[in-house]
Amino acid sequence: MHKGLIFRKNAVGARSFKTYGHNLLIMISVDEVRGLTERQREVLSIVVENKLFKNKDTQIPELAELLGIAPEAVYRHLVKAEENELVNVVITPSEKGTRIYERLRLEPVKPARIVTTEALSESKKAILQFLSANPDSTVLELSEELGLSEPGLYSHLRVLEVLRLVSKEKSKAIRRGVPPHIYNITPQGTDIIRDLDGGSAEPEEDA
């Protein structure tokens, strides 16, 4: 039975992993195994062995100590591993986080924040403009065309997803390996692009 990984992060910053099982047999190609970096191999070994032999989840500080790198570096490896479907990022609240949430519900409701072009960085605006003209783009295509690093792009795209300005989905597999995610601009993102272009005038209809 193939074992996958679930990465958990609680509301106050503690992060851990948990293994889960699949009933379906998943075929792993030789290329996928050879494509793992040494760090990814080390992370998988630590996490899976902790769960199988010690029945415990793995915290990011533990991974950082065992690998001899900073927690921030561990997280970057995990983001890349998630893109390769080696881990699945899940956020769960801690008891403290839940109590804080309950207190927040007692406070007056603040008006919803309206996203404007002024609130977006130049890089995020460039991403929206590119996706508007080039739907179904991958991170690699965005990186090559905009001259941005892939880690930086992932950070920008996550923010734009949270703001519901872009959407992400899996592309169709055209060859062996894991199909990449593709990104598209949403209707809300299109409204932002119209503001950047100086208005939202409707195009004239043909006579």
N, C-alpha and C. Protein backbone atom coordinates (compact mmCIF):
# COMPACT_ATOMS: atom_id res chain seq x y z
N MET A 1 0.85 -1.20 0.00
CA MET A 1 0.00 0.00 0.00
C MET A 1 0.87 1.24 0.00
N HIS A 2 0.59 2.13 -0.92
CA HIS A 2 1.41 3.35 -1.04
C HIS A 2 1.10 4.30 0.09
N LYS A 3 2.11 4.87 0.65
CA LYS A 3 1.94 5.85 1.72
C LYS A 3 2.17 7.25 1.19
N GLY A 4 1.23 8.15 1.48
CA GLY A 4 1.39 9.55 1.13
C GLY A 4 1.71 10.32 2.39
N LEU A 5 1.80 11.63 2.29
CA LEU A 5 2.14 12.46 3.43
C LEU A 5 1.19 13.62 3.53
N ILE A 6 0.78 13.95 4.74
CA ILE A 6 -0.01 15.15 4.97
C ILE A 6 0.79 16.07 5.86
N PHE A 7 1.00 17.28 5.42
CA PHE A 7 1.72 18.28 6.20
C PHE A 7 0.70 19.13 6.93
N ARG A 8 0.82 19.23 8.25
CA ARG A 8 -0.14 19.97 9.04
C ARG A 8 0.51 21.20 9.66
N LYS A 9 -0.23 22.30 9.68
CA LYS A 9 0.25 23.53 10.28
C LYS A 9 -0.87 24.08 11.16
N ASN A 10 -0.57 24.33 12.45
CA ASN A 10 -1.65 24.83 13.29
C ASN A 10 -1.66 26.35 13.30
N ALA A 11 -2.66 26.91 13.97
CA ALA A 11 -2.91 28.34 13.87
C ALA A 11 -1.84 29.20 14.54
N VAL A 12 -1.01 28.60 15.38
CA VAL A 12 0.00 29.40 16.07
C VAL A 12 1.40 29.08 15.57
N GLY A 13 1.50 28.40 14.43
CA GLY A 13 2.79 28.25 13.80
C GLY A 13 3.44 26.89 13.90
N ALA A 14 2.91 25.97 14.70
CA ALA A 14 3.51 24.64 14.78
C ALA A 14 3.14 23.85 13.54
N ARG A 15 4.08 23.14 12.95
CA ARG A 15 3.82 22.41 11.72
C ARG A 15 4.22 20.96 11.93
N SER A 16 3.46 20.04 11.36
CA SER A 16 3.79 18.63 11.49
C SER A 16 3.32 17.88 10.26
N PHE A 17 3.74 16.61 10.16
CA PHE A 17 3.35 15.76 9.06
C PHE A 17 2.57 14.57 9.59
N LYS A 18 1.70 14.05 8.74
CA LYS A 18 0.98 12.85 9.09
C LYS A 18 0.86 11.99 7.84
N THR A 19 1.07 10.68 7.95
CA THR A 19 0.97 9.80 6.80
C THR A 19 -0.48 9.36 6.61
N TYR A 20 -0.82 9.05 5.38
CA TYR A 20 -2.13 8.49 5.11
C TYR A 20 -1.99 7.42 4.05
N GLY A 21 -2.94 6.51 3.98
CA GLY A 21 -2.86 5.40 3.05
C GLY A 21 -3.85 5.54 1.92
N HIS A 22 -3.55 4.91 0.76
CA HIS A 22 -4.44 4.89 -0.39
C HIS A 22 -4.85 3.44 -0.63
N ASN A 23 -6.13 3.26 -0.95
CA ASN A 23 -6.60 1.92 -1.27
C ASN A 23 -6.21 1.54 -2.69
N LEU A 24 -6.01 2.55 -3.56
CA LEU A 24 -5.64 2.27 -4.93
C LEU A 24 -4.13 2.19 -5.06
N LEU A 25 -3.68 1.28 -5.91
CA LEU A 25 -2.25 1.14 -6.16
C LEU A 25 -1.78 2.26 -7.06
N ILE A 26 -0.81 3.02 -6.63
CA ILE A 26 -0.27 4.13 -7.41
C ILE A 26 1.08 3.71 -7.97
N MET A 27 1.20 3.78 -9.28
CA MET A 27 2.45 3.38 -9.92
C MET A 27 3.45 4.54 -9.86
N ILE A 28 4.63 4.26 -9.36
CA ILE A 28 5.70 5.25 -9.26
C ILE A 28 6.76 4.92 -10.30
N SER A 29 7.03 5.86 -11.18
CA SER A 29 8.02 5.62 -12.23
C SER A 29 9.44 5.78 -11.69
N VAL A 30 10.37 5.20 -12.41
CA VAL A 30 11.79 5.32 -12.04
C VAL A 30 12.22 6.78 -12.10
N ASP A 31 11.71 7.51 -13.09
CA ASP A 31 12.08 8.92 -13.23
C ASP A 31 11.65 9.75 -12.03
N GLU A 32 10.46 9.43 -11.47
CA GLU A 32 9.99 10.17 -10.30
C GLU A 32 10.89 9.94 -9.10
N VAL A 33 11.36 8.70 -8.94
CA VAL A 33 12.26 8.39 -7.83
C VAL A 33 13.61 9.05 -8.03
N ARG A 34 14.14 8.96 -9.24
CA ARG A 34 15.44 9.56 -9.52
C ARG A 34 15.37 11.09 -9.47
N GLY A 35 14.18 11.63 -9.69
CA GLY A 35 14.03 13.08 -9.70
C GLY A 35 14.03 13.72 -8.33
N LEU A 36 13.96 12.91 -7.27
CA LEU A 36 13.98 13.46 -5.92
C LEU A 36 15.37 14.00 -5.58
N THR A 37 15.39 15.15 -4.96
CA THR A 37 16.67 15.70 -4.49
C THR A 37 17.08 14.97 -3.22
N GLU A 38 18.32 15.16 -2.82
CA GLU A 38 18.79 14.52 -1.58
C GLU A 38 17.98 15.00 -0.38
N ARG A 39 17.64 16.30 -0.36
CA ARG A 39 16.85 16.84 0.75
C ARG A 39 15.47 16.20 0.79
N GLN A 40 14.83 16.06 -0.38
CA GLN A 40 13.51 15.44 -0.42
C GLN A 40 13.56 13.99 0.06
N ARG A 41 14.61 13.29 -0.31
CA ARG A 41 14.78 11.90 0.15
C ARG A 41 14.92 11.86 1.68
N GLU A 42 15.72 12.80 2.21
CA GLU A 42 15.92 12.84 3.65
C GLU A 42 14.63 13.16 4.38
N VAL A 43 13.88 14.16 3.86
CA VAL A 43 12.62 14.54 4.49
C VAL A 43 11.64 13.37 4.50
N LEU A 44 11.48 12.71 3.35
CA LEU A 44 10.56 11.58 3.25
C LEU A 44 10.96 10.46 4.21
N SER A 45 12.24 10.19 4.28
CA SER A 45 12.73 9.11 5.16
C SER A 45 12.40 9.41 6.62
N ILE A 46 12.68 10.65 7.04
CA ILE A 46 12.43 11.02 8.43
C ILE A 46 10.96 10.95 8.77
N VAL A 47 10.12 11.54 7.90
CA VAL A 47 8.69 11.62 8.17
C VAL A 47 8.03 10.25 8.18
N VAL A 48 8.32 9.44 7.16
CA VAL A 48 7.69 8.12 7.06
C VAL A 48 8.17 7.20 8.18
N GLU A 49 9.47 7.22 8.48
CA GLU A 49 10.00 6.35 9.54
C GLU A 49 9.45 6.75 10.91
N ASN A 50 9.29 8.06 11.14
CA ASN A 50 8.69 8.50 12.40
C ASN A 50 7.30 7.94 12.56
N LYS A 51 6.53 7.95 11.45
CA LYS A 51 5.15 7.47 11.54
C LYS A 51 5.07 5.96 11.63
N LEU A 52 5.85 5.27 10.81
CA LEU A 52 5.76 3.81 10.77
C LEU A 52 6.34 3.14 12.01
N PHE A 53 7.48 3.65 12.48
CA PHE A 53 8.18 2.96 13.56
C PHE A 53 7.98 3.60 14.94
N LYS A 54 7.63 4.89 14.96
CA LYS A 54 7.44 5.58 16.24
C LYS A 54 6.02 6.07 16.45
N ASN A 55 5.19 5.93 15.42
CA ASN A 55 3.79 6.34 15.46
C ASN A 55 3.64 7.79 15.93
N LYS A 56 4.42 8.67 15.34
CA LYS A 56 4.33 10.08 15.69
C LYS A 56 4.46 10.95 14.45
N ASP A 57 3.89 12.14 14.54
CA ASP A 57 4.02 13.11 13.46
C ASP A 57 5.35 13.84 13.61
N THR A 58 5.79 14.50 12.55
CA THR A 58 7.08 15.17 12.53
C THR A 58 6.90 16.68 12.49
N GLN A 59 7.55 17.38 13.40
CA GLN A 59 7.49 18.83 13.45
C GLN A 59 8.62 19.43 12.61
N ILE A 60 8.36 20.61 12.05
CA ILE A 60 9.38 21.27 11.23
C ILE A 60 10.66 21.56 12.03
N PRO A 61 10.57 22.01 13.30
CA PRO A 61 11.82 22.22 14.06
C PRO A 61 12.65 20.94 14.16
N GLU A 62 11.99 19.79 14.28
CA GLU A 62 12.72 18.52 14.34
C GLU A 62 13.43 18.25 13.01
N LEU A 63 12.72 18.48 11.89
CA LEU A 63 13.34 18.30 10.58
C LEU A 63 14.53 19.23 10.42
N ALA A 64 14.37 20.49 10.84
CA ALA A 64 15.46 21.45 10.71
C ALA A 64 16.68 21.01 11.48
N GLU A 65 16.46 20.49 12.70
CA GLU A 65 17.60 20.05 13.53
C GLU A 65 18.29 18.83 12.92
N LEU A 66 17.47 17.86 12.44
CA LEU A 66 18.05 16.64 11.89
C LEU A 66 18.78 16.90 10.57
N LEU A 67 18.27 17.86 9.78
CA LEU A 67 18.89 18.15 8.50
C LEU A 67 19.99 19.19 8.61
N GLY A 68 20.03 19.89 9.76
CA GLY A 68 21.06 20.91 9.94
C GLY A 68 20.84 22.16 9.13
N ILE A 69 19.56 22.50 8.88
CA ILE A 69 19.24 23.71 8.12
C ILE A 69 18.18 24.51 8.88
N ALA A 70 17.95 25.74 8.44
CA ALA A 70 16.98 26.61 9.10
C ALA A 70 15.55 26.14 8.81
N PRO A 71 14.61 26.39 9.74
CA PRO A 71 13.21 26.01 9.51
C PRO A 71 12.65 26.61 8.22
N GLU A 72 13.08 27.86 7.89
CA GLU A 72 12.60 28.49 6.67
C GLU A 72 13.03 27.69 5.44
N ALA A 73 14.24 27.13 5.48
CA ALA A 73 14.73 26.32 4.36
C ALA A 73 13.94 25.03 4.26
N VAL A 74 13.58 24.45 5.41
CA VAL A 74 12.77 23.24 5.41
C VAL A 74 11.44 23.52 4.72
N TYR A 75 10.85 24.65 5.06
CA TYR A 75 9.55 25.00 4.49
C TYR A 75 9.65 25.15 2.97
N ARG A 76 10.73 25.74 2.48
CA ARG A 76 10.90 25.89 1.03
C ARG A 76 10.96 24.53 0.35
N HIS A 77 11.64 23.57 0.99
CA HIS A 77 11.70 22.22 0.43
C HIS A 77 10.31 21.60 0.41
N LEU A 78 9.51 21.89 1.43
CA LEU A 78 8.16 21.31 1.50
C LEU A 78 7.24 21.90 0.44
N VAL A 79 7.41 23.19 0.15
CA VAL A 79 6.60 23.83 -0.89
C VAL A 79 6.89 23.15 -2.23
N LYS A 80 8.18 22.90 -2.51
CA LYS A 80 8.54 22.23 -3.75
C LYS A 80 8.02 20.80 -3.75
N ALA A 81 8.09 20.13 -2.60
CA ALA A 81 7.59 18.76 -2.51
C ALA A 81 6.09 18.69 -2.74
N GLU A 82 5.38 19.72 -2.29
CA GLU A 82 3.93 19.77 -2.52
C GLU A 82 3.62 19.88 -4.00
N GLU A 83 4.40 20.68 -4.72
CA GLU A 83 4.19 20.81 -6.16
C GLU A 83 4.40 19.48 -6.87
N ASN A 84 5.28 18.64 -6.32
CA ASN A 84 5.55 17.32 -6.90
C ASN A 84 4.66 16.24 -6.32
N GLU A 85 3.64 16.67 -5.53
CA GLU A 85 2.67 15.75 -4.92
C GLU A 85 3.31 14.76 -3.95
N LEU A 86 4.39 15.16 -3.31
CA LEU A 86 5.01 14.31 -2.29
C LEU A 86 4.40 14.58 -0.92
N VAL A 87 3.90 15.80 -0.71
CA VAL A 87 3.20 16.15 0.53
C VAL A 87 1.96 16.95 0.17
N ASN A 88 1.01 16.94 1.08
CA ASN A 88 -0.21 17.71 0.90
C ASN A 88 -0.33 18.65 2.08
N VAL A 89 -0.31 19.96 1.82
CA VAL A 89 -0.34 20.94 2.90
C VAL A 89 -1.75 21.09 3.43
N VAL A 90 -1.90 20.89 4.74
CA VAL A 90 -3.19 21.03 5.41
C VAL A 90 -2.96 21.92 6.63
N ILE A 91 -3.84 22.88 6.84
CA ILE A 91 -3.72 23.78 7.98
C ILE A 91 -4.82 23.46 8.99
N THR A 92 -4.43 23.17 10.22
CA THR A 92 -5.40 22.85 11.27
C THR A 92 -5.16 23.77 12.48
N PRO A 93 -6.22 24.25 13.11
CA PRO A 93 -6.05 25.15 14.26
C PRO A 93 -5.63 24.40 15.52
N SER A 94 -4.81 25.04 16.33
CA SER A 94 -4.46 24.50 17.63
C SER A 94 -5.55 24.89 18.63
N GLU A 95 -5.46 24.38 19.85
CA GLU A 95 -6.45 24.75 20.87
C GLU A 95 -6.39 26.25 21.15
N LYS A 96 -5.17 26.80 21.19
CA LYS A 96 -5.03 28.23 21.43
C LYS A 96 -5.62 29.03 20.27
N GLY A 97 -5.33 28.58 19.05
CA GLY A 97 -5.88 29.26 17.89
C GLY A 97 -7.40 29.24 17.88
N THR A 98 -7.98 28.12 18.29
CA THR A 98 -9.45 28.01 18.34
C THR A 98 -10.02 28.98 19.36
N ARG A 99 -9.37 29.10 20.52
CA ARG A 99 -9.85 30.03 21.55
C ARG A 99 -9.77 31.48 21.08
N ILE A 100 -8.67 31.81 20.37
CA ILE A 100 -8.54 33.17 19.84
C ILE A 100 -9.64 33.45 18.82
N TYR A 101 -9.94 32.45 17.99
CA TYR A 101 -11.01 32.60 17.00
C TYR A 101 -12.35 32.87 17.68
N GLU A 102 -12.60 32.15 18.77
CA GLU A 102 -13.86 32.35 19.50
C GLU A 102 -13.95 33.76 20.06
N ARG A 103 -12.80 34.29 20.51
CA ARG A 103 -12.79 35.68 21.01
C ARG A 103 -13.01 36.66 19.87
N LEU A 104 -12.43 36.37 18.70
CA LEU A 104 -12.59 37.26 17.56
C LEU A 104 -14.05 37.36 17.12
N ARG A 105 -14.80 36.28 17.29
CA ARG A 105 -16.20 36.29 16.87
C ARG A 105 -17.03 37.23 17.72
N LEU A 106 -16.52 37.56 18.91
CA LEU A 106 -17.26 38.47 19.79
C LEU A 106 -17.01 39.93 19.42
N GLU A 107 -15.99 40.19 18.59
CA GLU A 107 -15.68 41.56 18.20
C GLU A 107 -16.58 42.01 17.06
N PRO A 108 -16.77 43.33 16.89
CA PRO A 108 -17.60 43.84 15.79
C PRO A 108 -17.03 43.39 14.44
N VAL A 109 -17.94 43.08 13.52
CA VAL A 109 -17.52 42.63 12.20
C VAL A 109 -16.97 43.80 11.40
N LYS A 110 -15.77 43.64 10.86
CA LYS A 110 -15.16 44.68 10.05
C LYS A 110 -15.64 44.55 8.61
N PRO A 111 -15.78 45.66 7.89
CA PRO A 111 -16.21 45.58 6.49
C PRO A 111 -15.18 44.83 5.65
N ALA A 112 -15.68 44.10 4.66
CA ALA A 112 -14.79 43.32 3.79
C ALA A 112 -13.81 44.23 3.07
N ARG A 113 -12.56 43.79 3.00
CA ARG A 113 -11.54 44.58 2.34
C ARG A 113 -11.68 44.49 0.83
N ILE A 114 -11.69 45.63 0.18
CA ILE A 114 -11.80 45.67 -1.27
C ILE A 114 -10.39 45.75 -1.85
N VAL A 115 -10.07 44.79 -2.70
CA VAL A 115 -8.75 44.76 -3.30
C VAL A 115 -8.71 45.76 -4.45
N THR A 116 -7.74 46.65 -4.42
CA THR A 116 -7.56 47.63 -5.48
C THR A 116 -6.19 47.45 -6.11
N THR A 117 -5.99 48.09 -7.24
CA THR A 117 -4.69 47.98 -7.91
C THR A 117 -3.57 48.55 -7.05
N GLU A 118 -3.90 49.56 -6.22
CA GLU A 118 -2.88 50.17 -5.37
C GLU A 118 -2.39 49.20 -4.30
N ALA A 119 -3.23 48.23 -3.94
CA ALA A 119 -2.87 47.29 -2.87
C ALA A 119 -1.99 46.15 -3.38
N LEU A 120 -1.79 46.05 -4.68
CA LEU A 120 -1.01 44.96 -5.26
C LEU A 120 0.38 45.44 -5.65
N SER A 121 1.36 44.56 -5.44
CA SER A 121 2.72 44.88 -5.86
C SER A 121 2.82 44.83 -7.38
N GLU A 122 3.90 45.39 -7.90
CA GLU A 122 4.09 45.40 -9.35
C GLU A 122 4.20 43.98 -9.90
N SER A 123 4.82 43.08 -9.13
CA SER A 123 4.95 41.69 -9.58
C SER A 123 3.59 41.02 -9.70
N LYS A 124 2.72 41.26 -8.72
CA LYS A 124 1.38 40.65 -8.77
C LYS A 124 0.56 41.22 -9.91
N LYS A 125 0.70 42.51 -10.16
CA LYS A 125 0.00 43.12 -11.30
C LYS A 125 0.48 42.49 -12.61
N ALA A 126 1.81 42.28 -12.71
CA ALA A 126 2.37 41.68 -13.92
C ALA A 126 1.85 40.26 -14.12
N ILE A 127 1.72 39.52 -13.03
CA ILE A 127 1.18 38.15 -13.11
C ILE A 127 -0.25 38.17 -13.63
N LEU A 128 -1.08 39.07 -13.10
CA LEU A 128 -2.47 39.17 -13.54
C LEU A 128 -2.55 39.54 -15.02
N GLN A 129 -1.72 40.49 -15.43
CA GLN A 129 -1.74 40.91 -16.84
C GLN A 129 -1.30 39.77 -17.76
N PHE A 130 -0.30 39.02 -17.33
CA PHE A 130 0.18 37.90 -18.16
C PHE A 130 -0.89 36.82 -18.26
N LEU A 131 -1.53 36.47 -17.14
CA LEU A 131 -2.57 35.43 -17.15
C LEU A 131 -3.79 35.86 -17.94
N SER A 132 -4.04 37.17 -17.95
CA SER A 132 -5.17 37.66 -18.73
C SER A 132 -4.96 37.41 -20.22
N ALA A 133 -3.72 37.54 -20.67
CA ALA A 133 -3.41 37.33 -22.08
C ALA A 133 -2.99 35.90 -22.39
N ASN A 134 -2.59 35.14 -21.34
CA ASN A 134 -2.07 33.78 -21.55
C ASN A 134 -2.70 32.81 -20.55
N PRO A 135 -3.94 32.39 -20.78
CA PRO A 135 -4.59 31.46 -19.85
C PRO A 135 -3.87 30.11 -19.81
N ASP A 136 -4.15 29.35 -18.74
CA ASP A 136 -3.57 28.01 -18.56
C ASP A 136 -2.05 28.04 -18.54
N SER A 137 -1.48 29.03 -17.85
CA SER A 137 -0.03 29.15 -17.76
C SER A 137 0.52 28.39 -16.56
N THR A 138 1.71 27.84 -16.72
CA THR A 138 2.37 27.15 -15.62
C THR A 138 3.34 28.11 -14.91
N VAL A 139 3.83 27.67 -13.75
CA VAL A 139 4.80 28.49 -13.02
C VAL A 139 6.07 28.67 -13.85
N LEU A 140 6.48 27.64 -14.56
CA LEU A 140 7.68 27.75 -15.38
C LEU A 140 7.50 28.81 -16.46
N GLU A 141 6.34 28.83 -17.10
CA GLU A 141 6.08 29.83 -18.14
C GLU A 141 6.05 31.24 -17.54
N LEU A 142 5.41 31.38 -16.39
CA LEU A 142 5.37 32.68 -15.73
C LEU A 142 6.77 33.14 -15.36
N SER A 143 7.58 32.21 -14.86
CA SER A 143 8.93 32.55 -14.44
C SER A 143 9.77 33.01 -15.61
N GLU A 144 9.68 32.29 -16.73
CA GLU A 144 10.49 32.63 -17.90
C GLU A 144 10.07 33.96 -18.51
N GLU A 145 8.76 34.21 -18.57
CA GLU A 145 8.26 35.41 -19.23
C GLU A 145 8.40 36.66 -18.36
N LEU A 146 8.22 36.51 -17.04
CA LEU A 146 8.24 37.67 -16.15
C LEU A 146 9.59 37.88 -15.48
N GLY A 147 10.50 36.91 -15.60
CA GLY A 147 11.82 37.06 -15.00
C GLY A 147 11.79 36.98 -13.48
N LEU A 148 10.83 36.21 -12.93
CA LEU A 148 10.72 36.05 -11.48
C LEU A 148 11.15 34.64 -11.09
N SER A 149 11.72 34.50 -9.90
CA SER A 149 12.13 33.17 -9.43
C SER A 149 10.89 32.34 -9.10
N GLU A 150 11.00 31.03 -9.21
CA GLU A 150 9.87 30.16 -8.93
C GLU A 150 9.40 30.26 -7.47
N PRO A 151 10.33 30.29 -6.47
CA PRO A 151 9.86 30.47 -5.09
C PRO A 151 9.10 31.77 -4.90
N GLY A 152 9.57 32.84 -5.52
CA GLY A 152 8.88 34.12 -5.42
C GLY A 152 7.51 34.06 -6.08
N LEU A 153 7.43 33.38 -7.23
CA LEU A 153 6.16 33.25 -7.93
C LEU A 153 5.15 32.48 -7.10
N TYR A 154 5.58 31.39 -6.47
CA TYR A 154 4.66 30.61 -5.63
C TYR A 154 4.08 31.49 -4.52
N SER A 155 4.92 32.33 -3.94
CA SER A 155 4.46 33.23 -2.88
C SER A 155 3.42 34.21 -3.41
N HIS A 156 3.69 34.84 -4.57
CA HIS A 156 2.75 35.78 -5.17
C HIS A 156 1.44 35.08 -5.54
N LEU A 157 1.54 33.88 -6.12
CA LEU A 157 0.35 33.16 -6.57
C LEU A 157 -0.53 32.73 -5.40
N ARG A 158 0.10 32.35 -4.29
CA ARG A 158 -0.69 31.98 -3.11
C ARG A 158 -1.51 33.16 -2.62
N VAL A 159 -0.90 34.34 -2.60
CA VAL A 159 -1.63 35.55 -2.17
C VAL A 159 -2.77 35.84 -3.14
N LEU A 160 -2.50 35.75 -4.43
CA LEU A 160 -3.53 36.03 -5.43
C LEU A 160 -4.66 35.00 -5.37
N GLU A 161 -4.33 33.75 -5.01
CA GLU A 161 -5.37 32.74 -4.83
C GLU A 161 -6.25 33.08 -3.64
N VAL A 162 -5.63 33.47 -2.53
CA VAL A 162 -6.39 33.83 -1.34
C VAL A 162 -7.33 35.00 -1.63
N LEU A 163 -6.86 35.95 -2.44
CA LEU A 163 -7.67 37.11 -2.81
C LEU A 163 -8.67 36.78 -3.92
N ARG A 164 -8.63 35.53 -4.39
CA ARG A 164 -9.54 35.05 -5.43
C ARG A 164 -9.37 35.82 -6.74
N LEU A 165 -8.13 36.19 -7.03
CA LEU A 165 -7.83 36.87 -8.28
C LEU A 165 -7.29 35.91 -9.32
N VAL A 166 -6.76 34.75 -8.87
CA VAL A 166 -6.34 33.70 -9.79
C VAL A 166 -6.84 32.36 -9.27
N SER A 167 -6.94 31.39 -10.15
CA SER A 167 -7.34 30.03 -9.78
C SER A 167 -6.27 29.06 -10.24
N LYS A 168 -6.20 27.91 -9.56
CA LYS A 168 -5.19 26.90 -9.87
C LYS A 168 -5.87 25.55 -10.06
N GLU A 169 -5.41 24.80 -11.05
CA GLU A 169 -5.92 23.45 -11.27
C GLU A 169 -4.83 22.61 -11.92
N LYS A 170 -5.03 21.29 -11.88
CA LYS A 170 -4.05 20.38 -12.49
C LYS A 170 -4.27 20.33 -14.00
N SER A 171 -3.19 20.38 -14.75
CA SER A 171 -3.29 20.25 -16.20
C SER A 171 -3.40 18.77 -16.56
N LYS A 172 -3.79 18.52 -17.80
CA LYS A 172 -3.88 17.14 -18.27
C LYS A 172 -2.49 16.61 -18.56
N ALA A 173 -2.26 15.37 -18.16
CA ALA A 173 -0.95 14.75 -18.37
C ALA A 173 -0.76 14.46 -19.86
N ILE A 174 0.35 14.95 -20.41
CA ILE A 174 0.64 14.69 -21.83
C ILE A 174 1.84 13.76 -22.00
N ARG A 175 2.54 13.51 -20.91
CA ARG A 175 3.65 12.56 -20.95
C ARG A 175 3.85 12.04 -19.52
N ARG A 176 4.82 11.16 -19.36
CA ARG A 176 5.08 10.58 -18.06
C ARG A 176 5.48 11.65 -17.05
N GLY A 177 5.17 11.39 -15.80
CA GLY A 177 5.52 12.35 -14.76
C GLY A 177 4.28 13.03 -14.21
N VAL A 178 4.49 13.87 -13.23
CA VAL A 178 3.39 14.58 -12.58
C VAL A 178 2.99 15.80 -13.41
N PRO A 179 1.72 15.91 -13.82
CA PRO A 179 1.30 17.08 -14.60
C PRO A 179 1.40 18.35 -13.76
N PRO A 180 1.86 19.45 -14.34
CA PRO A 180 2.01 20.70 -13.57
C PRO A 180 0.66 21.36 -13.32
N HIS A 181 0.64 22.26 -12.34
CA HIS A 181 -0.54 23.08 -12.13
C HIS A 181 -0.58 24.19 -13.18
N ILE A 182 -1.78 24.58 -13.56
CA ILE A 182 -1.94 25.71 -14.46
C ILE A 182 -2.76 26.77 -13.74
N TYR A 183 -2.49 28.02 -14.08
CA TYR A 183 -3.12 29.16 -13.42
C TYR A 183 -3.92 29.98 -14.42
N ASN A 184 -5.05 30.49 -13.93
CA ASN A 184 -5.91 31.34 -14.75
C ASN A 184 -6.39 32.53 -13.93
N ILE A 185 -6.70 33.62 -14.61
CA ILE A 185 -7.23 34.79 -13.93
C ILE A 185 -8.73 34.60 -13.71
N THR A 186 -9.24 35.05 -12.59
CA THR A 186 -10.66 34.94 -12.26
C THR A 186 -11.40 36.21 -12.71
N PRO A 187 -12.74 36.19 -12.68
CA PRO A 187 -13.49 37.42 -13.01
C PRO A 187 -13.08 38.60 -12.13
N GLN A 188 -12.81 38.35 -10.84
CA GLN A 188 -12.36 39.43 -9.96
C GLN A 188 -11.01 39.97 -10.42
N GLY A 189 -10.13 39.05 -10.85
CA GLY A 189 -8.83 39.47 -11.35
C GLY A 189 -8.95 40.27 -12.64
N THR A 190 -9.92 39.88 -13.47
CA THR A 190 -10.16 40.62 -14.71
C THR A 190 -10.59 42.05 -14.41
N ASP A 191 -11.39 42.22 -13.36
CA ASP A 191 -11.80 43.58 -12.98
C ASP A 191 -10.59 44.43 -12.60
N ILE A 192 -9.62 43.80 -11.91
CA ILE A 192 -8.40 44.52 -11.54
C ILE A 192 -7.64 44.94 -12.79
N ILE A 193 -7.57 44.05 -13.78
CA ILE A 193 -6.87 44.35 -15.02
C ILE A 193 -7.54 45.52 -15.74
N ARG A 194 -8.85 45.57 -15.70
CA ARG A 194 -9.56 46.68 -16.34
C ARG A 194 -9.18 48.01 -15.68
N ASP A 195 -9.04 47.98 -14.34
CA ASP A 195 -8.62 49.19 -13.64
C ASP A 195 -7.22 49.61 -14.08
N LEU A 196 -6.34 48.61 -14.27
CA LEU A 196 -4.98 48.91 -14.70
C LEU A 196 -4.97 49.51 -16.10
N ASP A 197 -5.92 49.07 -16.93
CA ASP A 197 -5.98 49.56 -18.31
C ASP A 197 -6.71 50.89 -18.42
N GLY A 198 -7.16 51.41 -17.26
CA GLY A 198 -7.77 52.73 -17.27
C GLY A 198 -9.26 52.77 -17.40
N GLY A 199 -9.95 51.68 -17.11
CA GLY A 199 -11.40 51.70 -17.15
C GLY A 199 -11.96 50.37 -17.55
N SER A 200 -13.29 50.27 -17.53
CA SER A 200 -13.96 49.01 -17.84
C SER A 200 -14.98 49.20 -18.95
N ALA A 201 -14.64 50.06 -19.88
CA ALA A 201 -15.58 50.30 -20.96
C ALA A 201 -15.80 49.04 -21.78
N GLU A 202 -17.07 48.79 -22.16
CA GLU A 202 -17.40 47.63 -22.94
C GLU A 202 -16.96 47.83 -24.40
N PRO A 203 -16.49 46.80 -25.06
CA PRO A 203 -16.07 46.94 -26.45
C PRO A 203 -17.28 47.22 -27.34
N GLU A 204 -17.06 47.99 -28.43
CA GLU A 204 -18.15 48.30 -29.33
C GLU A 204 -18.56 47.08 -30.13
N GLU A 205 -19.88 46.95 -30.38
CA GLU A 205 -20.38 45.82 -31.15
C GLU A 205 -20.25 46.13 -32.64
N ASP A 206 -20.05 45.05 -33.42
CA ASP A 206 -19.99 45.24 -34.87
C ASP A 206 -21.32 45.65 -35.41
N ALA A 207 -21.31 46.49 -36.40
CA ALA A 207 -22.57 46.95 -37.00
C ALA A 207 -23.23 45.83 -37.77
